Amino acid sequence: MKAVGKAQSAGSPRLCNQCEKVMLEHHGGAEVPGSMLFADIRGSTALAEGMTPGEFHDLLDRFSSVASATVFAHNGFVDKFVGDEVVAVFAPVLGGDHAKRAVDTGIDLLRATGHADPGGPWAPVGAGVHTGRAWFGAVGDGAHTELTVVGDVVNVAARLAAQAGAGEVLVSTQAAAAAGVDDASPRRFLELKGKQDPFEVVTLKVDPPAGP
């Protein structure tokens, strides 16, 4: 297939890059239901101050690799990396229960970065998950066209990730209900930029194993 220009999509190994090319060429897209995950390394500026540029690059490289693998394992699509942050979308085209897949990805990413390890994480990560309808497709013009996801669901997930502490996945109550998150999970209200009313979220964490 590579001989005729076909390969796996960079966003998901389950998709073909030809679909992306067609969408870009024809400026295609559609409004679809889905869930968004934003996750980043908390306090990365302070971490960078204590490292050489090469060491910080290696940390970001390791996080990028682990985050991509975790998203792919739950049939998600990596929209982009922005510095120390991964943006992923979970849509019905890659399987059902998109909200659950997004939440499970956030939890597994905490585990993959060491938040359940007795010695603590090798990268302090916080994440946000929200579910709703989003527009997925080509955005931009000419050489600056790219595939991305836009809509309120994206903005809210980004706001949640920005307020998540290290070792937290902040999940909107909409996403939590759709994902079947335990009703007894801790909840709190947040003030989100652009939202008039306090926004209720469920806080999920992973605990280190109990001692002997």
Protein backbone atom coordinates (compact mmCIF):
# COMPACT_ATOMS: atom_id res chain seq x y z
CA MET A 1 0.00 0.00 0.00
CA LYS A 2 2.93 2.33 0.65
CA ALA A 3 3.89 2.02 -3.03
CA VAL A 4 0.66 3.78 -3.99
CA GLY A 5 0.99 6.43 -1.30
CA LYS A 6 -1.19 4.85 1.38
CA ALA A 7 -0.11 4.49 5.00
CA GLN A 8 -1.41 4.64 8.55
CA SER A 9 -2.68 7.98 9.73
CA ALA A 10 -0.37 9.78 12.14
CA GLY A 11 -3.41 10.39 14.35
CA SER A 12 -4.48 6.75 14.60
CA PRO A 13 -2.99 3.50 13.29
CA ARG A 14 -6.55 2.30 12.60
CA LEU A 15 -7.12 5.00 9.98
CA CYS A 16 -5.62 5.52 6.53
CA ASN A 17 -3.89 8.74 5.51
CA GLN A 18 -5.87 8.80 2.24
CA CYS A 19 -9.03 9.81 4.12
CA GLU A 20 -7.12 12.73 5.62
CA LYS A 21 -5.81 13.78 2.21
CA VAL A 22 -9.30 13.77 0.72
CA MET A 23 -10.69 15.83 3.60
CA LEU A 24 -7.88 18.36 3.27
CA GLU A 25 -8.19 18.61 -0.52
CA HIS A 26 -11.97 19.10 -0.39
CA HIS A 27 -12.04 21.04 2.89
CA GLY A 28 -14.33 18.37 4.29
CA GLY A 29 -15.65 17.76 7.76
CA ALA A 30 -18.73 17.04 9.81
CA GLU A 31 -20.34 17.63 13.19
CA VAL A 32 -20.15 14.43 15.23
CA PRO A 33 -20.66 13.27 18.81
CA GLY A 34 -17.49 12.50 20.67
CA SER A 35 -15.28 13.06 23.69
CA MET A 36 -12.13 15.13 24.09
CA LEU A 37 -9.10 14.52 26.26
CA PHE A 38 -6.48 17.15 27.05
CA ALA A 39 -3.51 16.08 29.18
CA ASP A 40 -0.27 17.85 29.95
CA ILE A 41 2.78 17.85 32.17
CA ARG A 42 2.03 20.07 35.14
CA GLY A 43 4.72 22.53 36.19
CA SER A 44 6.77 21.93 33.06
CA THR A 45 8.35 25.40 33.24
CA ALA A 46 9.80 24.63 36.67
CA LEU A 47 10.90 21.19 35.48
CA ALA A 48 12.69 22.71 32.48
CA GLU A 49 14.60 25.10 34.77
CA GLY A 50 16.16 22.13 36.54
CA MET A 51 17.14 20.28 33.37
CA THR A 52 19.39 20.78 30.41
CA PRO A 53 17.53 21.46 27.14
CA GLY A 54 18.46 17.95 26.01
CA GLU A 55 17.08 16.37 29.17
CA PHE A 56 13.82 18.31 28.85
CA HIS A 57 13.56 17.25 25.21
CA ASP A 58 13.95 13.62 26.29
CA LEU A 59 11.18 14.05 28.87
CA LEU A 60 8.80 15.52 26.28
CA ASP A 61 9.76 12.81 23.80
CA ARG A 62 9.01 10.10 26.36
CA PHE A 63 5.68 11.72 27.28
CA SER A 64 4.72 12.04 23.62
CA SER A 65 5.46 8.37 22.98
CA VAL A 66 3.61 7.15 26.08
CA ALA A 67 0.62 9.46 25.49
CA SER A 68 0.26 8.40 21.85
CA ALA A 69 0.44 4.70 22.74
CA THR A 70 -2.16 5.16 25.48
CA VAL A 71 -4.56 7.05 23.21
CA PHE A 72 -4.15 4.46 20.44
CA ALA A 73 -4.75 1.60 22.91
CA HIS A 74 -8.23 3.03 23.54
CA ASN A 75 -9.00 3.70 19.87
CA GLY A 76 -8.55 7.43 20.14
CA PHE A 77 -7.21 9.90 17.58
CA VAL A 78 -4.28 12.16 18.46
CA ASP A 79 -5.33 15.57 17.22
CA LYS A 80 -2.07 17.28 18.09
CA PHE A 81 0.74 17.84 20.56
CA VAL A 82 1.21 21.40 21.78
CA GLY A 83 4.45 21.55 23.71
CA ASP A 84 3.91 19.33 26.74
CA GLU A 85 0.20 18.73 26.04
CA VAL A 86 -1.59 16.02 24.09
CA VAL A 87 -5.01 16.66 22.55
CA ALA A 88 -7.02 13.55 21.64
CA VAL A 89 -10.51 12.94 20.28
CA PHE A 90 -12.64 9.83 20.75
CA ALA A 91 -15.39 9.42 18.16
CA PRO A 92 -17.87 6.67 17.20
CA VAL A 93 -15.96 5.98 13.96
CA LEU A 94 -13.30 4.20 16.04
CA GLY A 95 -15.72 2.33 18.31
CA GLY A 96 -18.54 2.78 20.80
CA ASP A 97 -18.48 4.24 24.31
CA HIS A 98 -16.36 7.22 23.32
CA ALA A 99 -16.74 8.85 26.74
CA LYS A 100 -15.55 5.73 28.56
CA ARG A 101 -12.60 5.38 26.20
CA ALA A 102 -11.57 8.98 26.89
CA VAL A 103 -11.85 8.56 30.67
CA ASP A 104 -9.99 5.23 30.61
CA THR A 105 -7.25 6.85 28.54
CA GLY A 106 -6.83 9.61 31.12
CA ILE A 107 -6.58 7.10 33.97
CA ASP A 108 -4.19 4.83 32.08
CA LEU A 109 -2.03 7.82 31.15
CA LEU A 110 -1.66 8.61 34.86
CA ARG A 111 -0.56 5.03 35.45
CA ALA A 112 1.80 5.08 32.46
CA THR A 113 3.50 8.21 33.80
CA GLY A 114 4.02 6.63 37.20
CA HIS A 115 1.27 8.14 39.33
CA ALA A 116 0.45 4.73 40.83
CA ASP A 117 4.11 3.92 41.51
CA PRO A 118 5.42 4.04 45.10
CA GLY A 119 8.25 6.32 43.98
CA GLY A 120 5.91 8.80 42.32
CA PRO A 121 5.53 9.86 38.68
CA TRP A 122 8.35 10.46 36.24
CA ALA A 123 6.14 13.17 34.76
CA PRO A 124 3.43 15.00 36.78
CA VAL A 125 0.38 14.85 34.52
CA GLY A 126 -3.11 16.36 34.79
CA ALA A 127 -5.98 15.80 32.37
CA GLY A 128 -9.49 16.94 31.46
CA VAL A 129 -12.30 15.06 29.68
CA HIS A 130 -15.57 16.39 28.27
CA THR A 131 -18.16 14.92 25.91
CA GLY A 132 -20.56 16.48 23.41
CA ARG A 133 -20.81 17.38 19.74
CA ALA A 134 -17.79 18.74 17.90
CA TRP A 135 -16.86 19.65 14.33
CA PHE A 136 -14.05 17.49 12.97
CA GLY A 137 -12.43 18.27 9.65
CA ALA A 138 -10.28 20.68 7.67
CA VAL A 139 -9.68 24.14 9.08
CA GLY A 140 -7.64 26.88 7.46
CA ASP A 141 -6.79 27.84 3.91
CA GLY A 142 -4.25 26.78 1.30
CA ALA A 143 -0.95 25.56 2.70
CA HIS A 144 -2.13 26.28 6.25
CA THR A 145 -5.05 23.82 6.17
CA GLU A 146 -5.06 21.13 8.84
CA LEU A 147 -7.40 18.55 10.31
CA THR A 148 -8.58 19.40 13.79
CA VAL A 149 -11.56 19.45 16.13
CA VAL A 150 -13.45 22.59 17.14
CA GLY A 151 -16.44 23.40 19.32
CA ASP A 152 -17.43 24.03 22.92
CA VAL A 153 -16.58 20.45 23.91
CA VAL A 154 -12.97 21.15 22.93
CA ASN A 155 -12.80 24.42 24.86
CA VAL A 156 -14.28 22.90 28.01
CA ALA A 157 -11.90 19.91 27.97
CA ALA A 158 -8.97 22.31 27.62
CA ARG A 159 -10.21 24.41 30.56
CA LEU A 160 -10.59 21.30 32.71
CA ALA A 161 -7.07 20.10 31.94
CA ALA A 162 -5.70 23.54 32.80
CA GLN A 163 -7.22 23.28 36.29
CA ALA A 164 -6.32 19.63 36.92
CA GLY A 165 -3.61 19.04 39.46
CA ALA A 166 -0.84 16.52 38.97
CA GLY A 167 -2.35 13.06 39.21
CA GLU A 168 -5.91 14.22 38.50
CA VAL A 169 -8.34 13.60 35.65
CA LEU A 170 -11.14 16.16 35.82
CA VAL A 171 -14.20 14.73 34.06
CA SER A 172 -17.31 16.76 33.30
CA THR A 173 -20.47 15.30 34.81
CA GLN A 174 -21.78 14.78 31.24
CA ALA A 175 -18.75 12.67 30.34
CA ALA A 176 -18.79 10.89 33.70
CA ALA A 177 -22.43 9.86 33.26
CA ALA A 178 -21.83 8.67 29.70
CA ALA A 179 -18.74 6.73 30.80
CA GLY A 180 -20.50 5.07 33.75
CA VAL A 181 -18.18 6.60 36.35
CA ASP A 182 -19.08 5.64 39.92
CA ASP A 183 -21.57 8.15 41.35
CA ALA A 184 -19.62 8.11 44.61
CA SER A 185 -16.53 9.62 42.97
CA PRO A 186 -15.51 13.00 44.42
CA ARG A 187 -17.16 16.01 42.81
CA ARG A 188 -16.52 19.72 42.90
CA PHE A 189 -17.49 22.93 41.13
CA LEU A 190 -15.02 24.98 39.09
CA GLU A 191 -15.07 28.46 37.66
CA LEU A 192 -14.25 28.04 33.96
CA LYS A 193 -13.29 30.92 31.71
CA GLY A 194 -16.18 31.78 29.40
CA LYS A 195 -18.77 29.93 31.52
CA GLN A 196 -21.23 32.01 33.55
CA ASP A 197 -22.17 29.28 36.04
CA PRO A 198 -19.92 27.04 38.16
CA PHE A 199 -19.07 23.86 36.27
CA GLU A 200 -19.43 20.51 38.07
CA VAL A 201 -16.72 17.90 37.57
CA VAL A 202 -15.78 14.48 38.87
CA THR A 203 -12.21 14.09 40.13
CA LEU A 204 -10.50 10.79 39.33
CA LYS A 205 -7.09 9.66 40.58
CA VAL A 206 -4.98 6.52 40.76
CA ASP A 207 -3.63 5.46 44.12
CA PRO A 208 -0.22 3.92 44.80
CA PRO A 209 -0.38 0.25 45.86
CA ALA A 210 -0.94 -0.31 49.56
CA GLY A 211 2.14 -1.09 51.61
CA PRO A 212 2.82 -4.52 53.16
